[in-house]
Amino acid sequence: MSYTEKQLATELENREGWLLQQEGIVGTALGCDQGGQICIKIYTDGATSETKAAISARLQKLPFEFEETGEIRAF
């Protein structure tokens, strides 16, 4: 299924709290995957394969990708 930006933003909003509670997840956003398609970006700081598997199972029908960023700090 193809999602509009608005639809994907709603999907992210509904799941963001849960995502940020997962070990090693430091942020989320809407962005583009390597093919240029809109997706949910999940920023990580050493997330385990178990954490990634749990997220993948929960988001299985949504376009998303993990991006290792390390710790994110506000200035």
PDB file of N, CA and C in Angstrom:
ATOM      1  N   MET A   1       0.848  -1.183   0.000  1.00  0.00           N
ATOM      2  CA  MET A   1       0.000   0.000   0.000  1.00  0.00           C
ATOM      3  C   MET A   1       0.885   1.235   0.000  1.00  0.00           C
ATOM      4  N   SER A   2       0.475   2.223  -0.732  1.00  0.00           N
ATOM      5  CA  SER A   2       1.187   3.486  -0.786  1.00  0.00           C
ATOM      6  C   SER A   2       0.507   4.481   0.159  1.00  0.00           C
ATOM      7  N   TYR A   3       1.310   5.216   0.898  1.00  0.00           N
ATOM      8  CA  TYR A   3       0.787   6.174   1.878  1.00  0.00           C
ATOM      9  C   TYR A   3       1.096   7.599   1.443  1.00  0.00           C
ATOM     10  N   THR A   4       0.148   8.508   1.727  1.00  0.00           N
ATOM     11  CA  THR A   4       0.437   9.924   1.541  1.00  0.00           C
ATOM     12  C   THR A   4       1.225  10.394   2.762  1.00  0.00           C
ATOM     13  N   GLU A   5       1.812  11.565   2.665  1.00  0.00           N
ATOM     14  CA  GLU A   5       2.549  12.124   3.789  1.00  0.00           C
ATOM     15  C   GLU A   5       1.638  12.286   5.006  1.00  0.00           C
ATOM     16  N   LYS A   6       0.423  12.766   4.773  1.00  0.00           N
ATOM     17  CA  LYS A   6      -0.527  12.969   5.873  1.00  0.00           C
ATOM     18  C   LYS A   6      -0.891  11.637   6.532  1.00  0.00           C
ATOM     19  N   GLN A   7      -1.151  10.613   5.749  1.00  0.00           N
ATOM     20  CA  GLN A   7      -1.494   9.304   6.301  1.00  0.00           C
ATOM     21  C   GLN A   7      -0.337   8.731   7.120  1.00  0.00           C
ATOM     22  N   LEU A   8       0.866   8.855   6.586  1.00  0.00           N
ATOM     23  CA  LEU A   8       2.028   8.314   7.284  1.00  0.00           C
ATOM     24  C   LEU A   8       2.310   9.107   8.557  1.00  0.00           C
ATOM     25  N   ALA A   9       2.083  10.424   8.521  1.00  0.00           N
ATOM     26  CA  ALA A   9       2.259  11.245   9.722  1.00  0.00           C
ATOM     27  C   ALA A   9       1.291  10.801  10.819  1.00  0.00           C
ATOM     28  N   THR A  10       0.071  10.485  10.449  1.00  0.00           N
ATOM     29  CA  THR A  10      -0.915  10.000  11.417  1.00  0.00           C
ATOM     30  C   THR A  10      -0.488   8.652  11.983  1.00  0.00           C
ATOM     31  N   GLU A  11      -0.013   7.765  11.132  1.00  0.00           N
ATOM     32  CA  GLU A  11       0.460   6.456  11.586  1.00  0.00           C
ATOM     33  C   GLU A  11       1.627   6.618  12.564  1.00  0.00           C
ATOM     34  N   LEU A  12       2.549   7.518  12.254  1.00  0.00           N
ATOM     35  CA  LEU A  12       3.686   7.759  13.137  1.00  0.00           C
ATOM     36  C   LEU A  12       3.212   8.340  14.469  1.00  0.00           C
ATOM     37  N   GLU A  13       2.317   9.304  14.416  1.00  0.00           N
ATOM     38  CA  GLU A  13       1.801   9.927  15.637  1.00  0.00           C
ATOM     39  C   GLU A  13       1.174   8.882  16.568  1.00  0.00           C
ATOM     40  N   ASN A  14       0.474   7.923  15.981  1.00  0.00           N
ATOM     41  CA  ASN A  14      -0.183   6.877  16.765  1.00  0.00           C
ATOM     42  C   ASN A  14       0.796   5.900  17.400  1.00  0.00           C
ATOM     43  N   ARG A  15       2.007   5.814  16.878  1.00  0.00           N
ATOM     44  CA  ARG A  15       2.979   4.826  17.354  1.00  0.00           C
ATOM     45  C   ARG A  15       4.225   5.424  17.994  1.00  0.00           C
ATOM     46  N   GLU A  16       4.400   6.719  17.900  1.00  0.00           N
ATOM     47  CA  GLU A  16       5.637   7.347  18.337  1.00  0.00           C
ATOM     48  C   GLU A  16       5.946   7.114  19.817  1.00  0.00           C
ATOM     49  N   GLY A  17       4.944   7.223  20.673  1.00  0.00           N
ATOM     50  CA  GLY A  17       5.181   7.007  22.105  1.00  0.00           C
ATOM     51  C   GLY A  17       5.742   5.625  22.374  1.00  0.00           C
ATOM     52  N   TRP A  18       5.141   4.622  21.762  1.00  0.00           N
ATOM     53  CA  TRP A  18       5.622   3.251  21.931  1.00  0.00           C
ATOM     54  C   TRP A  18       7.040   3.103  21.371  1.00  0.00           C
ATOM     55  N   LEU A  19       7.272   3.662  20.193  1.00  0.00           N
ATOM     56  CA  LEU A  19       8.601   3.549  19.582  1.00  0.00           C
ATOM     57  C   LEU A  19       9.683   4.136  20.479  1.00  0.00           C
ATOM     58  N   LEU A  20       9.425   5.306  21.042  1.00  0.00           N
ATOM     59  CA  LEU A  20      10.435   5.984  21.854  1.00  0.00           C
ATOM     60  C   LEU A  20      10.669   5.291  23.192  1.00  0.00           C
ATOM     61  N   GLN A  21       9.790   4.398  23.575  1.00  0.00           N
ATOM     62  CA  GLN A  21       9.989   3.622  24.801  1.00  0.00           C
ATOM     63  C   GLN A  21      10.892   2.412  24.579  1.00  0.00           C
ATOM     64  N   GLN A  22      11.158   2.084  23.323  1.00  0.00           N
ATOM     65  CA  GLN A  22      11.963   0.908  23.021  1.00  0.00           C
ATOM     66  C   GLN A  22      13.448   1.217  23.221  1.00  0.00           C
ATOM     67  N   GLU A  23      14.154   0.266  23.797  1.00  0.00           N
ATOM     68  CA  GLU A  23      15.575   0.436  24.092  1.00  0.00           C
ATOM     69  C   GLU A  23      16.363   0.704  22.812  1.00  0.00           C
ATOM     70  N   GLY A  24      17.156   1.757  22.849  1.00  0.00           N
ATOM     71  CA  GLY A  24      18.019   2.092  21.720  1.00  0.00           C
ATOM     72  C   GLY A  24      17.383   2.980  20.667  1.00  0.00           C
ATOM     73  N   ILE A  25      16.119   3.372  20.862  1.00  0.00           N
ATOM     74  CA  ILE A  25      15.454   4.270  19.910  1.00  0.00           C
ATOM     75  C   ILE A  25      15.553   5.685  20.453  1.00  0.00           C
ATOM     76  N   VAL A  26      16.126   6.592  19.650  1.00  0.00           N
ATOM     77  CA  VAL A  26      16.373   7.953  20.119  1.00  0.00           C
ATOM     78  C   VAL A  26      15.545   9.015  19.397  1.00  0.00           C
ATOM     79  N   GLY A  27      14.808   8.616  18.371  1.00  0.00           N
ATOM     80  CA  GLY A  27      13.984   9.593  17.674  1.00  0.00           C
ATOM     81  C   GLY A  27      13.251   8.982  16.498  1.00  0.00           C
ATOM     82  N   THR A  28      12.262   9.725  16.020  1.00  0.00           N
ATOM     83  CA  THR A  28      11.497   9.313  14.844  1.00  0.00           C
ATOM     84  C   THR A  28      11.203  10.545  14.009  1.00  0.00           C
ATOM     85  N   ALA A  29      10.909  10.314  12.751  1.00  0.00           N
ATOM     86  CA  ALA A  29      10.553  11.412  11.853  1.00  0.00           C
ATOM     87  C   ALA A  29       9.983  10.824  10.573  1.00  0.00           C
ATOM     88  N   LEU A  30       9.407  11.682   9.766  1.00  0.00           N
ATOM     89  CA  LEU A  30       9.085  11.302   8.397  1.00  0.00           C
ATOM     90  C   LEU A  30      10.273  11.684   7.538  1.00  0.00           C
ATOM     91  N   GLY A  31      10.604  10.857   6.602  1.00  0.00           N
ATOM     92  CA  GLY A  31      11.721  11.142   5.716  1.00  0.00           C
ATOM     93  C   GLY A  31      11.578  10.331   4.454  1.00  0.00           C
ATOM     94  N   CYS A  32      12.650  10.199   3.733  1.00  0.00           N
ATOM     95  CA  CYS A  32      12.660   9.412   2.506  1.00  0.00           C
ATOM     96  C   CYS A  32      13.628   8.254   2.652  1.00  0.00           C
ATOM     97  N   ASP A  33      13.224   7.117   2.101  1.00  0.00           N
ATOM     98  CA  ASP A  33      14.125   5.975   2.106  1.00  0.00           C
ATOM     99  C   ASP A  33      15.164   6.156   1.005  1.00  0.00           C
ATOM    100  N   GLN A  34      16.023   5.190   0.842  1.00  0.00           N
ATOM    101  CA  GLN A  34      17.100   5.317  -0.132  1.00  0.00           C
ATOM    102  C   GLN A  34      16.586   5.369  -1.572  1.00  0.00           C
ATOM    103  N   GLY A  35      15.354   4.906  -1.785  1.00  0.00           N
ATOM    104  CA  GLY A  35      14.746   4.980  -3.109  1.00  0.00           C
ATOM    105  C   GLY A  35      13.964   6.255  -3.347  1.00  0.00           C
ATOM    106  N   GLY A  36      13.952   7.144  -2.351  1.00  0.00           N
ATOM    107  CA  GLY A  36      13.259   8.418  -2.493  1.00  0.00           C
ATOM    108  C   GLY A  36      11.788   8.391  -2.121  1.00  0.00           C
ATOM    109  N   GLN A  37      11.307   7.275  -1.555  1.00  0.00           N
ATOM    110  CA  GLN A  37       9.915   7.167  -1.152  1.00  0.00           C
ATOM    111  C   GLN A  37       9.756   7.597   0.305  1.00  0.00           C
ATOM    112  N   ILE A  38       8.622   8.228   0.619  1.00  0.00           N
ATOM    113  CA  ILE A  38       8.372   8.678   1.985  1.00  0.00           C
ATOM    114  C   ILE A  38       8.263   7.464   2.911  1.00  0.00           C
ATOM    115  N   CYS A  39       8.839   7.610   4.093  1.00  0.00           N
ATOM    116  CA  CYS A  39       8.801   6.523   5.067  1.00  0.00           C
ATOM    117  C   CYS A  39       8.949   7.092   6.475  1.00  0.00           C
ATOM    118  N   ILE A  40       8.736   6.233   7.444  1.00  0.00           N
ATOM    119  CA  ILE A  40       9.010   6.573   8.830  1.00  0.00           C
ATOM    120  C   ILE A  40      10.473   6.269   9.090  1.00  0.00           C
ATOM    121  N   LYS A  41      11.208   7.236   9.571  1.00  0.00           N
ATOM    122  CA  LYS A  41      12.608   7.043   9.940  1.00  0.00           C
ATOM    123  C   LYS A  41      12.649   6.776  11.438  1.00  0.00           C
ATOM    124  N   ILE A  42      13.378   5.753  11.821  1.00  0.00           N
ATOM    125  CA  ILE A  42      13.538   5.402  13.224  1.00  0.00           C
ATOM    126  C   ILE A  42      15.019   5.514  13.541  1.00  0.00           C
ATOM    127  N   TYR A  43      15.364   6.522  14.336  1.00  0.00           N
ATOM    128  CA  TYR A  43      16.760   6.801  14.657  1.00  0.00           C
ATOM    129  C   TYR A  43      17.179   5.993  15.877  1.00  0.00           C
ATOM    130  N   THR A  44      18.330   5.355  15.770  1.00  0.00           N
ATOM    131  CA  THR A  44      18.765   4.434  16.815  1.00  0.00           C
ATOM    132  C   THR A  44      20.134   4.800  17.377  1.00  0.00           C
ATOM    133  N   ASP A  45      20.344   4.299  18.588  1.00  0.00           N
ATOM    134  CA  ASP A  45      21.643   4.396  19.259  1.00  0.00           C
ATOM    135  C   ASP A  45      21.931   3.016  19.846  1.00  0.00           C
ATOM    136  N   GLY A  46      22.416   2.138  18.990  1.00  0.00           N
ATOM    137  CA  GLY A  46      22.754   0.797  19.431  1.00  0.00           C
ATOM    138  C   GLY A  46      21.563  -0.100  19.703  1.00  0.00           C
ATOM    139  N   ALA A  47      20.464   0.083  19.000  1.00  0.00           N
ATOM    140  CA  ALA A  47      19.291  -0.777  19.189  1.00  0.00           C
ATOM    141  C   ALA A  47      19.658  -2.224  18.859  1.00  0.00           C
ATOM    142  N   THR A  48      19.193  -3.140  19.688  1.00  0.00           N
ATOM    143  CA  THR A  48      19.493  -4.554  19.481  1.00  0.00           C
ATOM    144  C   THR A  48      18.658  -5.133  18.343  1.00  0.00           C
ATOM    145  N   SER A  49      19.070  -6.289  17.872  1.00  0.00           N
ATOM    146  CA  SER A  49      18.305  -6.971  16.829  1.00  0.00           C
ATOM    147  C   SER A  49      16.925  -7.375  17.351  1.00  0.00           C
ATOM    148  N   GLU A  50      16.818  -7.660  18.646  1.00  0.00           N
ATOM    149  CA  GLU A  50      15.521  -7.992  19.238  1.00  0.00           C
ATOM    150  C   GLU A  50      14.586  -6.788  19.210  1.00  0.00           C
ATOM    151  N   THR A  51      15.114  -5.620  19.540  1.00  0.00           N
ATOM    152  CA  THR A  51      14.303  -4.396  19.489  1.00  0.00           C
ATOM    153  C   THR A  51      13.849  -4.126  18.066  1.00  0.00           C
ATOM    154  N   LYS A  52      14.763  -4.245  17.125  1.00  0.00           N
ATOM    155  CA  LYS A  52      14.419  -4.002  15.720  1.00  0.00           C
ATOM    156  C   LYS A  52      13.384  -5.008  15.224  1.00  0.00           C
ATOM    157  N   ALA A  53      13.496  -6.249  15.662  1.00  0.00           N
ATOM    158  CA  ALA A  53      12.527  -7.271  15.255  1.00  0.00           C
ATOM    159  C   ALA A  53      11.142  -6.967  15.810  1.00  0.00           C
ATOM    160  N   ALA A  54      11.071  -6.516  17.067  1.00  0.00           N
ATOM    161  CA  ALA A  54       9.787  -6.167  17.675  1.00  0.00           C
ATOM    162  C   ALA A  54       9.140  -4.999  16.940  1.00  0.00           C
ATOM    163  N   ILE A  55       9.951  -4.014  16.585  1.00  0.00           N
ATOM    164  CA  ILE A  55       9.434  -2.857  15.843  1.00  0.00           C
ATOM    165  C   ILE A  55       8.992  -3.283  14.453  1.00  0.00           C
ATOM    166  N   SER A  56       9.787  -4.084  13.797  1.00  0.00           N
ATOM    167  CA  SER A  56       9.435  -4.560  12.455  1.00  0.00           C
ATOM    168  C   SER A  56       8.117  -5.320  12.467  1.00  0.00           C
ATOM    169  N   ALA A  57       7.898  -6.131  13.484  1.00  0.00           N
ATOM    170  CA  ALA A  57       6.645  -6.882  13.591  1.00  0.00           C
ATOM    171  C   ALA A  57       5.459  -5.944  13.788  1.00  0.00           C
ATOM    172  N   ARG A  58       5.660  -4.904  14.576  1.00  0.00           N
ATOM    173  CA  ARG A  58       4.563  -3.964  14.868  1.00  0.00           C
ATOM    174  C   ARG A  58       4.269  -3.036  13.686  1.00  0.00           C
ATOM    175  N   LEU A  59       5.288  -2.692  12.901  1.00  0.00           N
ATOM    176  CA  LEU A  59       5.119  -1.750  11.787  1.00  0.00           C
ATOM    177  C   LEU A  59       5.117  -2.451  10.433  1.00  0.00           C
ATOM    178  N   GLN A  60       4.936  -3.742  10.412  1.00  0.00           N
ATOM    179  CA  GLN A  60       5.160  -4.552   9.223  1.00  0.00           C
ATOM    180  C   GLN A  60       4.533  -4.044   7.937  1.00  0.00           C
ATOM    181  N   LYS A  61       3.405  -3.383   7.991  1.00  0.00           N
ATOM    182  CA  LYS A  61       2.747  -2.920   6.764  1.00  0.00           C
ATOM    183  C   LYS A  61       3.103  -1.478   6.402  1.00  0.00           C
ATOM    184  N   LEU A  62       3.850  -0.815   7.260  1.00  0.00           N
ATOM    185  CA  LEU A  62       4.206   0.587   7.019  1.00  0.00           C
ATOM    186  C   LEU A  62       5.614   0.682   6.428  1.00  0.00           C
ATOM    187  N   PRO A  63       5.838   1.666   5.571  1.00  0.00           N
ATOM    188  CA  PRO A  63       7.197   1.871   5.066  1.00  0.00           C
ATOM    189  C   PRO A  63       8.040   2.566   6.142  1.00  0.00           C
ATOM    190  N   PHE A  64       9.128   1.929   6.543  1.00  0.00           N
ATOM    191  CA  PHE A  64       9.994   2.509   7.562  1.00  0.00           C
ATOM    192  C   PHE A  64      11.408   1.990   7.357  1.00  0.00           C
ATOM    193  N   GLU A  65      12.353   2.700   7.974  1.00  0.00           N
ATOM    194  CA  GLU A  65      13.726   2.210   7.993  1.00  0.00           C
ATOM    195  C   GLU A  65      14.423   2.720   9.234  1.00  0.00           C
ATOM    196  N   PHE A  66      15.388   1.937   9.679  1.00  0.00           N
ATOM    197  CA  PHE A  66      16.210   2.310  10.823  1.00  0.00           C
ATOM    198  C   PHE A  66      17.418   3.087  10.320  1.00  0.00           C
ATOM    199  N   GLU A  67      17.829   4.072  11.109  1.00  0.00           N
ATOM    200  CA  GLU A  67      19.052   4.811  10.803  1.00  0.00           C
ATOM    201  C   GLU A  67      19.834   4.986  12.100  1.00  0.00           C
ATOM    202  N   GLU A  68      21.032   4.438  12.128  1.00  0.00           N
ATOM    203  CA  GLU A  68      21.899   4.544  13.310  1.00  0.00           C
ATOM    204  C   GLU A  68      22.468   5.959  13.351  1.00  0.00           C
ATOM    205  N   THR A  69      22.089   6.714  14.373  1.00  0.00           N
ATOM    206  CA  THR A  69      22.555   8.105  14.526  1.00  0.00           C
ATOM    207  C   THR A  69      23.402   8.308  15.750  1.00  0.00           C
ATOM    208  N   GLY A  70      23.281   7.386  16.708  1.00  0.00           N
ATOM    209  CA  GLY A  70      23.897   7.602  18.001  1.00  0.00           C
ATOM    210  C   GLY A  70      22.994   8.489  18.827  1.00  0.00           C
ATOM    211  N   GLU A  71      23.501   8.911  19.957  1.00  0.00           N
ATOM    212  CA  GLU A  71      22.727   9.754  20.864  1.00  0.00           C
ATOM    213  C   GLU A  71      22.392  11.086  20.201  1.00  0.00           C
ATOM    214  N   ILE A  72      21.175  11.563  20.427  1.00  0.00           N
ATOM    215  CA  ILE A  72      20.744  12.859  19.921  1.00  0.00           C
ATOM    216  C   ILE A  72      20.567  13.779  21.131  1.00  0.00           C
ATOM    217  N   ARG A  73      21.209  14.927  21.083  1.00  0.00           N
ATOM    218  CA  ARG A  73      21.122  15.892  22.195  1.00  0.00           C
ATOM    219  C   ARG A  73      20.632  17.250  21.679  1.00  0.00           C
ATOM    220  N   ALA A  74      19.772  17.867  22.454  1.00  0.00           N
ATOM    221  CA  ALA A  74      19.312  19.222  22.128  1.00  0.00           C
ATOM    222  C   ALA A  74      20.377  20.209  22.604  1.00  0.00           C
ATOM    223  N   PHE A  75      20.565  21.254  21.858  1.00  0.00           N
ATOM    224  CA  PHE A  75      21.536  22.283  22.248  1.00  0.00           C
ATOM    225  C   PHE A  75      20.836  23.465  22.858  1.00  0.00           C
TER     226      PHE A  75
END
